[in-house]
Amino acid sequence: MTNTLVISPAAKEDLQNIYNYGKGNWGAVRATQYLLHIKSKFSYLQSNPQGCAVRNELLLGIRCLPVKNHNVFYQFQSKSRQVEVVRILQGRQSAALHIS
């Protein structure tokens, strides 16, 4: 059975901000490529929702998948088989400040 993927409004905003930053610094083509690379990891999360490190010090049950310069924070609800991408933060950002 396939797990459902949900992207939170905050994570959608993160994706938009990542694209905008990349477009401004490296152009639309590279920004699109980078964004597609991040999004390509979502299928891994759906297939392996418990395969990443648990970060309970941030929020109970939250997990983290590093993707190049960013970290994808997500939660897995086993009963509903739902993977929710909560935030996508640049590696130098304080996750504790952005995840609650």
N, C-alpha and C. Protein backbone atom coordinates (compact mmCIF):
# COMPACT_ATOMS: atom_id res chain seq x y z
N MET A 1 0.84 -1.19 0.00
CA MET A 1 0.00 0.00 0.00
C MET A 1 0.89 1.25 0.00
N THR A 2 0.57 2.20 -0.82
CA THR A 2 1.34 3.43 -0.95
C THR A 2 0.94 4.43 0.13
N ASN A 3 1.93 5.08 0.66
CA ASN A 3 1.68 6.15 1.63
C ASN A 3 1.31 7.43 0.90
N THR A 4 0.42 8.19 1.50
CA THR A 4 -0.01 9.47 0.93
C THR A 4 0.99 10.55 1.32
N LEU A 5 1.30 11.43 0.39
CA LEU A 5 2.20 12.55 0.65
C LEU A 5 1.40 13.83 0.79
N VAL A 6 1.66 14.56 1.85
CA VAL A 6 1.04 15.86 2.09
C VAL A 6 2.17 16.86 2.31
N ILE A 7 2.07 18.00 1.67
CA ILE A 7 3.06 19.06 1.86
C ILE A 7 2.38 20.21 2.58
N SER A 8 2.90 20.54 3.75
CA SER A 8 2.28 21.60 4.56
C SER A 8 2.39 22.95 3.87
N PRO A 9 1.53 23.90 4.22
CA PRO A 9 1.65 25.24 3.66
C PRO A 9 3.03 25.86 3.91
N ALA A 10 3.60 25.63 5.08
CA ALA A 10 4.93 26.18 5.38
C ALA A 10 5.99 25.56 4.46
N ALA A 11 5.89 24.26 4.19
CA ALA A 11 6.84 23.60 3.30
C ALA A 11 6.67 24.09 1.85
N LYS A 12 5.44 24.34 1.45
CA LYS A 12 5.21 24.91 0.11
C LYS A 12 5.86 26.28 -0.01
N GLU A 13 5.74 27.06 1.04
CA GLU A 13 6.39 28.38 1.05
C GLU A 13 7.91 28.23 1.03
N ASP A 14 8.42 27.24 1.77
CA ASP A 14 9.86 26.98 1.74
C ASP A 14 10.33 26.66 0.33
N LEU A 15 9.58 25.80 -0.37
CA LEU A 15 9.94 25.45 -1.74
C LEU A 15 9.96 26.68 -2.65
N GLN A 16 8.97 27.54 -2.49
CA GLN A 16 8.92 28.76 -3.29
C GLN A 16 10.12 29.66 -2.98
N ASN A 17 10.45 29.77 -1.70
CA ASN A 17 11.59 30.60 -1.30
C ASN A 17 12.91 30.03 -1.82
N ILE A 18 13.04 28.71 -1.80
CA ILE A 18 14.24 28.06 -2.33
C ILE A 18 14.37 28.35 -3.82
N TYR A 19 13.27 28.24 -4.53
CA TYR A 19 13.29 28.53 -5.97
C TYR A 19 13.65 29.99 -6.22
N ASN A 20 13.01 30.89 -5.52
CA ASN A 20 13.26 32.32 -5.73
C ASN A 20 14.72 32.68 -5.44
N TYR A 21 15.25 32.13 -4.37
CA TYR A 21 16.66 32.40 -4.03
C TYR A 21 17.58 31.86 -5.13
N GLY A 22 17.33 30.62 -5.55
CA GLY A 22 18.15 30.02 -6.60
C GLY A 22 18.05 30.76 -7.91
N LYS A 23 16.86 31.18 -8.27
CA LYS A 23 16.66 31.92 -9.52
C LYS A 23 17.42 33.24 -9.49
N GLY A 24 17.36 33.92 -8.35
CA GLY A 24 18.05 35.20 -8.21
C GLY A 24 19.56 35.07 -8.24
N ASN A 25 20.08 33.94 -7.78
CA ASN A 25 21.53 33.76 -7.69
C ASN A 25 22.14 32.96 -8.84
N TRP A 26 21.41 32.01 -9.38
CA TRP A 26 21.98 31.13 -10.39
C TRP A 26 21.13 30.98 -11.65
N GLY A 27 19.97 31.61 -11.68
CA GLY A 27 19.12 31.54 -12.86
C GLY A 27 18.01 30.51 -12.73
N ALA A 28 17.02 30.65 -13.58
CA ALA A 28 15.81 29.83 -13.51
C ALA A 28 16.09 28.35 -13.77
N VAL A 29 16.99 28.04 -14.69
CA VAL A 29 17.25 26.64 -15.03
C VAL A 29 17.84 25.91 -13.84
N ARG A 30 18.87 26.46 -13.22
CA ARG A 30 19.48 25.80 -12.07
C ARG A 30 18.54 25.77 -10.87
N ALA A 31 17.76 26.81 -10.69
CA ALA A 31 16.80 26.84 -9.58
C ALA A 31 15.76 25.73 -9.77
N THR A 32 15.30 25.56 -10.99
CA THR A 32 14.33 24.51 -11.28
C THR A 32 14.94 23.13 -11.07
N GLN A 33 16.16 22.94 -11.52
CA GLN A 33 16.84 21.66 -11.34
C GLN A 33 16.99 21.32 -9.86
N TYR A 34 17.37 22.29 -9.06
CA TYR A 34 17.56 22.06 -7.63
C TYR A 34 16.23 21.72 -6.96
N LEU A 35 15.20 22.46 -7.31
CA LEU A 35 13.88 22.20 -6.74
C LEU A 35 13.38 20.81 -7.13
N LEU A 36 13.57 20.42 -8.37
CA LEU A 36 13.17 19.08 -8.82
C LEU A 36 13.96 17.99 -8.08
N HIS A 37 15.22 18.27 -7.78
CA HIS A 37 16.02 17.31 -7.03
C HIS A 37 15.44 17.11 -5.63
N ILE A 38 15.07 18.18 -4.98
CA ILE A 38 14.45 18.08 -3.65
C ILE A 38 13.14 17.30 -3.76
N LYS A 39 12.31 17.68 -4.70
CA LYS A 39 11.01 17.03 -4.85
C LYS A 39 11.14 15.54 -5.21
N SER A 40 12.21 15.18 -5.90
CA SER A 40 12.41 13.78 -6.27
C SER A 40 12.60 12.89 -5.04
N LYS A 41 13.01 13.47 -3.93
CA LYS A 41 13.21 12.71 -2.69
C LYS A 41 11.91 12.41 -1.98
N PHE A 42 10.84 13.08 -2.36
CA PHE A 42 9.54 12.83 -1.73
C PHE A 42 9.07 11.40 -1.97
N SER A 43 9.36 10.84 -3.14
CA SER A 43 8.96 9.46 -3.41
C SER A 43 9.72 8.49 -2.50
N TYR A 44 10.97 8.83 -2.16
CA TYR A 44 11.72 8.01 -1.20
C TYR A 44 11.01 8.03 0.15
N LEU A 45 10.56 9.21 0.57
CA LEU A 45 9.87 9.33 1.85
C LEU A 45 8.59 8.49 1.86
N GLN A 46 7.88 8.49 0.75
CA GLN A 46 6.65 7.70 0.67
C GLN A 46 6.95 6.20 0.76
N SER A 47 8.04 5.78 0.16
CA SER A 47 8.40 4.36 0.17
C SER A 47 9.09 3.93 1.46
N ASN A 48 9.81 4.85 2.09
CA ASN A 48 10.60 4.54 3.28
C ASN A 48 10.36 5.57 4.38
N PRO A 49 9.14 5.70 4.85
CA PRO A 49 8.82 6.79 5.77
C PRO A 49 9.54 6.73 7.11
N GLN A 50 10.04 5.55 7.47
CA GLN A 50 10.74 5.44 8.75
C GLN A 50 12.23 5.28 8.54
N GLY A 51 12.70 5.62 7.35
CA GLY A 51 14.10 5.41 7.00
C GLY A 51 15.05 6.54 7.36
N CYS A 52 14.55 7.60 7.91
CA CYS A 52 15.41 8.75 8.22
C CYS A 52 15.49 8.97 9.72
N ALA A 53 16.46 9.76 10.10
CA ALA A 53 16.72 10.01 11.52
C ALA A 53 15.55 10.71 12.20
N VAL A 54 15.23 10.22 13.39
CA VAL A 54 14.19 10.84 14.22
C VAL A 54 14.82 12.03 14.95
N ARG A 55 14.09 13.14 15.00
CA ARG A 55 14.58 14.36 15.67
C ARG A 55 13.58 14.78 16.74
N ASN A 56 13.37 13.90 17.72
CA ASN A 56 12.39 14.15 18.78
C ASN A 56 12.71 15.39 19.61
N GLU A 57 13.96 15.84 19.59
CA GLU A 57 14.30 17.05 20.35
C GLU A 57 13.65 18.29 19.74
N LEU A 58 13.22 18.18 18.48
CA LEU A 58 12.53 19.28 17.80
C LEU A 58 11.03 19.18 17.98
N LEU A 59 10.52 17.98 17.73
CA LEU A 59 9.09 17.72 17.79
C LEU A 59 8.92 16.20 17.80
N LEU A 60 8.08 15.70 18.67
CA LEU A 60 7.91 14.26 18.80
C LEU A 60 7.53 13.63 17.46
N GLY A 61 8.32 12.68 17.02
CA GLY A 61 8.04 11.94 15.81
C GLY A 61 8.52 12.57 14.51
N ILE A 62 9.14 13.73 14.59
CA ILE A 62 9.60 14.37 13.35
C ILE A 62 10.90 13.71 12.90
N ARG A 63 11.04 13.60 11.60
CA ARG A 63 12.24 12.98 10.99
C ARG A 63 12.87 13.96 10.02
N CYS A 64 14.13 13.69 9.68
CA CYS A 64 14.87 14.61 8.82
C CYS A 64 15.60 13.84 7.72
N LEU A 65 15.42 14.32 6.49
CA LEU A 65 16.14 13.79 5.33
C LEU A 65 17.01 14.90 4.75
N PRO A 66 18.34 14.78 4.85
CA PRO A 66 19.21 15.77 4.22
C PRO A 66 19.18 15.64 2.70
N VAL A 67 19.04 16.77 2.02
CA VAL A 67 19.05 16.81 0.55
C VAL A 67 19.93 17.99 0.15
N LYS A 68 21.13 17.67 -0.28
CA LYS A 68 22.13 18.70 -0.63
C LYS A 68 22.25 19.71 0.50
N ASN A 69 21.94 20.99 0.25
CA ASN A 69 22.10 22.03 1.26
C ASN A 69 20.87 22.23 2.14
N HIS A 70 19.88 21.38 1.99
CA HIS A 70 18.63 21.53 2.74
C HIS A 70 18.29 20.27 3.53
N ASN A 71 17.41 20.44 4.49
CA ASN A 71 16.89 19.33 5.28
C ASN A 71 15.38 19.31 5.15
N VAL A 72 14.86 18.15 4.78
CA VAL A 72 13.42 17.96 4.66
C VAL A 72 12.94 17.34 5.98
N PHE A 73 12.11 18.08 6.69
CA PHE A 73 11.55 17.61 7.95
C PHE A 73 10.14 17.11 7.68
N TYR A 74 9.85 15.92 8.18
CA TYR A 74 8.55 15.31 7.90
C TYR A 74 8.10 14.44 9.07
N GLN A 75 6.83 14.11 9.06
CA GLN A 75 6.25 13.20 10.03
C GLN A 75 5.50 12.11 9.29
N PHE A 76 5.48 10.92 9.89
CA PHE A 76 4.76 9.80 9.31
C PHE A 76 3.69 9.33 10.29
N GLN A 77 2.47 9.28 9.81
CA GLN A 77 1.34 8.77 10.59
C GLN A 77 1.05 7.36 10.09
N SER A 78 1.44 6.36 10.87
CA SER A 78 1.32 4.98 10.39
C SER A 78 -0.13 4.53 10.23
N LYS A 79 -1.03 4.99 11.09
CA LYS A 79 -2.43 4.56 10.98
C LYS A 79 -3.08 5.06 9.69
N SER A 80 -2.83 6.32 9.34
CA SER A 80 -3.41 6.88 8.12
C SER A 80 -2.49 6.71 6.91
N ARG A 81 -1.28 6.18 7.16
CA ARG A 81 -0.27 5.98 6.11
C ARG A 81 0.01 7.29 5.37
N GLN A 82 0.19 8.34 6.13
CA GLN A 82 0.41 9.68 5.58
C GLN A 82 1.79 10.20 5.95
N VAL A 83 2.51 10.67 4.94
CA VAL A 83 3.79 11.33 5.12
C VAL A 83 3.55 12.81 4.91
N GLU A 84 3.79 13.61 5.96
CA GLU A 84 3.61 15.06 5.84
C GLU A 84 4.96 15.75 5.88
N VAL A 85 5.29 16.44 4.79
CA VAL A 85 6.49 17.27 4.76
C VAL A 85 6.12 18.55 5.51
N VAL A 86 6.81 18.78 6.62
CA VAL A 86 6.49 19.89 7.51
C VAL A 86 7.25 21.16 7.12
N ARG A 87 8.56 21.02 6.92
CA ARG A 87 9.40 22.16 6.54
C ARG A 87 10.55 21.67 5.69
N ILE A 88 11.12 22.58 4.90
CA ILE A 88 12.33 22.31 4.12
C ILE A 88 13.25 23.49 4.40
N LEU A 89 14.26 23.23 5.23
CA LEU A 89 15.10 24.31 5.73
C LEU A 89 16.53 24.19 5.21
N GLN A 90 17.15 25.32 4.98
CA GLN A 90 18.55 25.37 4.62
C GLN A 90 19.35 24.82 5.79
N GLY A 91 20.41 24.10 5.52
CA GLY A 91 21.17 23.41 6.55
C GLY A 91 21.65 24.29 7.69
N ARG A 92 21.89 25.57 7.43
CA ARG A 92 22.38 26.47 8.47
C ARG A 92 21.26 27.10 9.29
N GLN A 93 20.01 26.93 8.85
CA GLN A 93 18.89 27.47 9.61
C GLN A 93 18.67 26.66 10.88
N SER A 94 18.28 27.31 11.93
CA SER A 94 17.98 26.62 13.18
C SER A 94 16.61 25.96 13.07
N ALA A 95 16.62 24.64 13.02
CA ALA A 95 15.36 23.90 12.93
C ALA A 95 14.49 24.16 14.15
N ALA A 96 15.12 24.32 15.31
CA ALA A 96 14.37 24.54 16.54
C ALA A 96 13.54 25.82 16.48
N LEU A 97 13.98 26.80 15.73
CA LEU A 97 13.24 28.05 15.59
C LEU A 97 12.08 27.97 14.61
N HIS A 98 12.14 27.00 13.71
CA HIS A 98 11.17 26.93 12.62
C HIS A 98 10.19 25.77 12.69
N ILE A 99 10.42 24.85 13.63
CA ILE A 99 9.55 23.68 13.73
C ILE A 99 8.91 23.68 15.10
N SER A 100 7.58 23.57 15.10
CA SER A 100 6.87 23.49 16.38
C SER A 100 5.65 22.61 16.24
